């Protein structure tokens, strides 16, 4: 018996590629949510950002499970556009800048 295959819907695939955020952007957006939800008025320290990035990465890549190489590439791209913390900047303020940085990805 011959196997029936459906042709790939290129228009749907292209629309999905163009509208879905990249893995790197998802990491930054998830990190921004973590910062906004936990303590948005806390003055952000580098350790707080590192913790939020870890949680954001776990949230953005957990479902569906992605290959390690894809996660690592997304992390590298996300970290490359992550802005520096400004003196006295709160987690909520930084989250806004993270959302803006995600647009670059």
C-alpha atoms as a PDB file:
ATOM      1  CA  UNK A   1       0.000   0.000   0.000  1.00  0.00           C
ATOM      2  CA  UNK A   2       1.372   3.374  -0.909  1.00  0.00           C
ATOM      3  CA  UNK A   3       1.839   5.958   1.788  1.00  0.00           C
ATOM      4  CA  UNK A   4      -0.247   9.096   1.507  1.00  0.00           C
ATOM      5  CA  UNK A   5       1.531  12.315   2.187  1.00  0.00           C
ATOM      6  CA  UNK A   6       0.043  15.744   2.450  1.00  0.00           C
ATOM      7  CA  UNK A   7       1.892  18.610   0.800  1.00  0.00           C
ATOM      8  CA  UNK A   8       3.538  21.040   3.173  1.00  0.00           C
ATOM      9  CA  UNK A   9       1.526  24.244   3.516  1.00  0.00           C
ATOM     10  CA  UNK A  10       4.316  26.742   2.870  1.00  0.00           C
ATOM     11  CA  UNK A  11       2.100  29.770   3.431  1.00  0.00           C
ATOM     12  CA  UNK A  12       1.115  28.581   6.910  1.00  0.00           C
ATOM     13  CA  UNK A  13       4.717  27.693   7.727  1.00  0.00           C
ATOM     14  CA  UNK A  14       5.982  31.088   6.563  1.00  0.00           C
ATOM     15  CA  UNK A  15       3.263  32.904   8.529  1.00  0.00           C
ATOM     16  CA  UNK A  16       4.249  30.941  11.638  1.00  0.00           C
ATOM     17  CA  UNK A  17       7.933  31.727  11.204  1.00  0.00           C
ATOM     18  CA  UNK A  18       7.237  35.430  10.742  1.00  0.00           C
ATOM     19  CA  UNK A  19       4.805  35.811  13.651  1.00  0.00           C
ATOM     20  CA  UNK A  20       6.206  33.565  16.383  1.00  0.00           C
ATOM     21  CA  UNK A  21       8.975  34.993  18.555  1.00  0.00           C
ATOM     22  CA  UNK A  22      12.370  33.310  18.349  1.00  0.00           C
ATOM     23  CA  UNK A  23      13.696  31.223  21.234  1.00  0.00           C
ATOM     24  CA  UNK A  24      15.931  34.120  22.279  1.00  0.00           C
ATOM     25  CA  UNK A  25      12.991  36.526  22.257  1.00  0.00           C
ATOM     26  CA  UNK A  26      10.898  34.046  24.257  1.00  0.00           C
ATOM     27  CA  UNK A  27      13.660  33.846  26.862  1.00  0.00           C
ATOM     28  CA  UNK A  28      13.750  37.634  27.224  1.00  0.00           C
ATOM     29  CA  UNK A  29       9.958  37.916  27.371  1.00  0.00           C
ATOM     30  CA  UNK A  30       9.728  35.167  29.993  1.00  0.00           C
ATOM     31  CA  UNK A  31      12.503  36.843  31.993  1.00  0.00           C
ATOM     32  CA  UNK A  32      10.603  40.141  31.837  1.00  0.00           C
ATOM     33  CA  UNK A  33       7.488  38.376  33.202  1.00  0.00           C
ATOM     34  CA  UNK A  34       9.536  36.882  36.044  1.00  0.00           C
ATOM     35  CA  UNK A  35      10.928  40.312  36.963  1.00  0.00           C
ATOM     36  CA  UNK A  36       7.484  41.947  36.805  1.00  0.00           C
ATOM     37  CA  UNK A  37       5.743  39.230  38.794  1.00  0.00           C
ATOM     38  CA  UNK A  38       8.227  38.653  41.597  1.00  0.00           C
ATOM     39  CA  UNK A  39       9.326  42.070  42.879  1.00  0.00           C
ATOM     40  CA  UNK A  40       8.845  44.822  40.302  1.00  0.00           C
ATOM     41  CA  UNK A  41       9.806  47.629  42.714  1.00  0.00           C
ATOM     42  CA  UNK A  42      13.027  45.994  43.918  1.00  0.00           C
ATOM     43  CA  UNK A  43      16.224  47.735  42.798  1.00  0.00           C
ATOM     44  CA  UNK A  44      17.724  45.196  40.445  1.00  0.00           C
ATOM     45  CA  UNK A  45      21.110  43.632  41.217  1.00  0.00           C
ATOM     46  CA  UNK A  46      23.142  41.457  38.813  1.00  0.00           C
ATOM     47  CA  UNK A  47      22.356  38.375  40.936  1.00  0.00           C
ATOM     48  CA  UNK A  48      18.617  39.084  40.653  1.00  0.00           C
ATOM     49  CA  UNK A  49      18.909  39.378  36.878  1.00  0.00           C
ATOM     50  CA  UNK A  50      20.895  36.138  36.639  1.00  0.00           C
ATOM     51  CA  UNK A  51      18.228  34.346  38.697  1.00  0.00           C
ATOM     52  CA  UNK A  52      15.434  35.791  36.549  1.00  0.00           C
ATOM     53  CA  UNK A  53      17.252  34.813  33.344  1.00  0.00           C
ATOM     54  CA  UNK A  54      17.584  31.247  34.617  1.00  0.00           C
ATOM     55  CA  UNK A  55      13.875  31.070  35.465  1.00  0.00           C
ATOM     56  CA  UNK A  56      12.915  32.765  32.193  1.00  0.00           C
ATOM     57  CA  UNK A  57      15.019  30.330  30.185  1.00  0.00           C
ATOM     58  CA  UNK A  58      13.433  27.358  31.964  1.00  0.00           C
ATOM     59  CA  UNK A  59       9.931  28.707  31.314  1.00  0.00           C
ATOM     60  CA  UNK A  60      10.580  29.589  27.670  1.00  0.00           C
ATOM     61  CA  UNK A  61      12.170  26.265  26.733  1.00  0.00           C
ATOM     62  CA  UNK A  62      10.273  23.757  28.866  1.00  0.00           C
ATOM     63  CA  UNK A  63       7.235  23.104  26.731  1.00  0.00           C
ATOM     64  CA  UNK A  64       7.741  21.617  24.218  1.00  0.00           C
ATOM     65  CA  UNK A  65      11.140  20.290  25.203  1.00  0.00           C
ATOM     66  CA  UNK A  66      13.756  21.624  22.813  1.00  0.00           C
ATOM     67  CA  UNK A  67      17.151  20.176  21.909  1.00  0.00           C
ATOM     68  CA  UNK A  68      20.040  21.499  24.004  1.00  0.00           C
ATOM     69  CA  UNK A  69      21.715  23.062  20.976  1.00  0.00           C
ATOM     70  CA  UNK A  70      18.604  25.120  20.156  1.00  0.00           C
ATOM     71  CA  UNK A  71      18.329  26.282  23.772  1.00  0.00           C
ATOM     72  CA  UNK A  72      22.013  27.246  23.902  1.00  0.00           C
ATOM     73  CA  UNK A  73      21.755  29.241  20.676  1.00  0.00           C
ATOM     74  CA  UNK A  74      18.656  31.032  21.951  1.00  0.00           C
ATOM     75  CA  UNK A  75      20.385  31.820  25.228  1.00  0.00           C
ATOM     76  CA  UNK A  76      23.433  33.235  23.443  1.00  0.00           C
ATOM     77  CA  UNK A  77      21.267  35.462  21.279  1.00  0.00           C
ATOM     78  CA  UNK A  78      19.172  36.595  24.258  1.00  0.00           C
ATOM     79  CA  UNK A  79      22.188  37.380  26.406  1.00  0.00           C
ATOM     80  CA  UNK A  80      23.833  39.280  23.539  1.00  0.00           C
ATOM     81  CA  UNK A  81      21.012  41.851  23.443  1.00  0.00           C
ATOM     82  CA  UNK A  82      20.316  41.967  27.190  1.00  0.00           C
ATOM     83  CA  UNK A  83      20.945  45.568  28.280  1.00  0.00           C
ATOM     84  CA  UNK A  84      23.137  46.528  31.218  1.00  0.00           C
ATOM     85  CA  UNK A  85      21.430  47.372  34.488  1.00  0.00           C
ATOM     86  CA  UNK A  86      21.273  51.095  35.130  1.00  0.00           C
ATOM     87  CA  UNK A  87      22.124  52.338  38.638  1.00  0.00           C
ATOM     88  CA  UNK A  88      18.994  52.351  40.802  1.00  0.00           C
ATOM     89  CA  UNK A  89      16.868  50.665  38.126  1.00  0.00           C
ATOM     90  CA  UNK A  90      13.964  48.584  39.403  1.00  0.00           C
ATOM     91  CA  UNK A  91      13.086  45.128  38.129  1.00  0.00           C
ATOM     92  CA  UNK A  92       9.898  46.500  36.561  1.00  0.00           C
ATOM     93  CA  UNK A  93      11.788  49.198  34.664  1.00  0.00           C
ATOM     94  CA  UNK A  94      14.354  46.693  33.469  1.00  0.00           C
ATOM     95  CA  UNK A  95      11.566  44.348  32.332  1.00  0.00           C
ATOM     96  CA  UNK A  96      10.312  47.072  29.997  1.00  0.00           C
ATOM     97  CA  UNK A  97      13.765  47.388  28.466  1.00  0.00           C
ATOM     98  CA  UNK A  98      14.000  43.592  28.125  1.00  0.00           C
ATOM     99  CA  UNK A  99      10.741  43.540  26.179  1.00  0.00           C
ATOM    100  CA  UNK A 100      12.156  46.207  23.885  1.00  0.00           C
ATOM    101  CA  UNK A 101      15.401  44.234  23.454  1.00  0.00           C
ATOM    102  CA  UNK A 102      13.396  41.128  22.500  1.00  0.00           C
ATOM    103  CA  UNK A 103      12.161  42.969  19.412  1.00  0.00           C
ATOM    104  CA  UNK A 104      15.716  42.829  18.040  1.00  0.00           C
ATOM    105  CA  UNK A 105      15.507  39.053  17.923  1.00  0.00           C
END
